[in-house]
């Protein structure tokens, strides 16, 4: 899951640089998708008692 987050983060950075805007539709979509991945990761950590794996 961490590799997915890292990959999506890289795509987001690229999109921001490409569109030169934080509010461009593709940038917002990627940001929202990344938020979802991070939320799922945090939920997984919480349910595993805080383990970082």
C-alpha atoms as a PDB file:
ATOM      1  CA  UNK A   1       0.000   0.000   0.000  1.00  0.00           C
ATOM      2  CA  UNK A   2       2.872   2.386   0.734  1.00  0.00           C
ATOM      3  CA  UNK A   3       4.225   1.916  -2.770  1.00  0.00           C
ATOM      4  CA  UNK A   4       0.801   2.851  -4.175  1.00  0.00           C
ATOM      5  CA  UNK A   5       0.780   5.995  -2.043  1.00  0.00           C
ATOM      6  CA  UNK A   6       4.305   6.878  -3.134  1.00  0.00           C
ATOM      7  CA  UNK A   7       3.489   6.307  -6.806  1.00  0.00           C
ATOM      8  CA  UNK A   8       0.319   8.382  -6.627  1.00  0.00           C
ATOM      9  CA  UNK A   9       2.158  11.160  -4.795  1.00  0.00           C
ATOM     10  CA  UNK A  10       4.729  11.282  -7.607  1.00  0.00           C
ATOM     11  CA  UNK A  11       1.921  11.482 -10.162  1.00  0.00           C
ATOM     12  CA  UNK A  12       0.362  14.332  -8.187  1.00  0.00           C
ATOM     13  CA  UNK A  13       3.627  16.287  -8.098  1.00  0.00           C
ATOM     14  CA  UNK A  14       4.031  15.776 -11.841  1.00  0.00           C
ATOM     15  CA  UNK A  15       0.454  16.934 -12.495  1.00  0.00           C
ATOM     16  CA  UNK A  16       0.933  20.077 -10.408  1.00  0.00           C
ATOM     17  CA  UNK A  17       4.106  20.904 -12.329  1.00  0.00           C
ATOM     18  CA  UNK A  18       2.452  20.155 -15.660  1.00  0.00           C
ATOM     19  CA  UNK A  19      -0.690  22.210 -15.020  1.00  0.00           C
ATOM     20  CA  UNK A  20       1.047  24.865 -12.908  1.00  0.00           C
ATOM     21  CA  UNK A  21      -2.024  24.906 -10.690  1.00  0.00           C
ATOM     22  CA  UNK A  22      -3.265  23.243  -7.543  1.00  0.00           C
ATOM     23  CA  UNK A  23      -6.866  23.639  -8.672  1.00  0.00           C
ATOM     24  CA  UNK A  24      -6.692  22.079 -12.146  1.00  0.00           C
ATOM     25  CA  UNK A  25      -9.210  19.256 -12.434  1.00  0.00           C
ATOM     26  CA  UNK A  26      -6.636  16.443 -12.935  1.00  0.00           C
ATOM     27  CA  UNK A  27      -4.647  17.698  -9.940  1.00  0.00           C
ATOM     28  CA  UNK A  28      -7.726  17.786  -7.710  1.00  0.00           C
ATOM     29  CA  UNK A  29      -8.712  14.278  -8.836  1.00  0.00           C
ATOM     30  CA  UNK A  30      -5.276  12.868  -8.030  1.00  0.00           C
ATOM     31  CA  UNK A  31      -5.230  14.684  -4.697  1.00  0.00           C
ATOM     32  CA  UNK A  32      -8.588  13.223  -3.733  1.00  0.00           C
ATOM     33  CA  UNK A  33      -7.478   9.761  -4.797  1.00  0.00           C
ATOM     34  CA  UNK A  34      -4.301  10.114  -2.728  1.00  0.00           C
ATOM     35  CA  UNK A  35      -6.381  11.245   0.256  1.00  0.00           C
ATOM     36  CA  UNK A  36      -8.394   8.036  -0.049  1.00  0.00           C
ATOM     37  CA  UNK A  37      -5.268   5.863  -0.122  1.00  0.00           C
ATOM     38  CA  UNK A  38      -3.808   7.650   2.905  1.00  0.00           C
ATOM     39  CA  UNK A  39      -7.063   7.297   4.807  1.00  0.00           C
ATOM     40  CA  UNK A  40      -7.192   3.551   4.094  1.00  0.00           C
ATOM     41  CA  UNK A  41      -3.567   3.193   5.190  1.00  0.00           C
ATOM     42  CA  UNK A  42      -4.250   5.047   8.427  1.00  0.00           C
ATOM     43  CA  UNK A  43      -7.322   2.898   9.075  1.00  0.00           C
ATOM     44  CA  UNK A  44      -5.230  -0.223   8.537  1.00  0.00           C
ATOM     45  CA  UNK A  45      -2.625   1.032  10.986  1.00  0.00           C
ATOM     46  CA  UNK A  46      -5.249   1.862  13.569  1.00  0.00           C
ATOM     47  CA  UNK A  47      -6.936  -1.540  13.312  1.00  0.00           C
ATOM     48  CA  UNK A  48      -3.578  -3.316  13.643  1.00  0.00           C
ATOM     49  CA  UNK A  49      -2.846  -1.528  16.892  1.00  0.00           C
ATOM     50  CA  UNK A  50      -0.501   1.018  15.437  1.00  0.00           C
ATOM     51  CA  UNK A  51       1.900  -1.331  13.687  1.00  0.00           C
ATOM     52  CA  UNK A  52       3.754   0.386  10.868  1.00  0.00           C
ATOM     53  CA  UNK A  53       3.715  -2.353   8.234  1.00  0.00           C
END
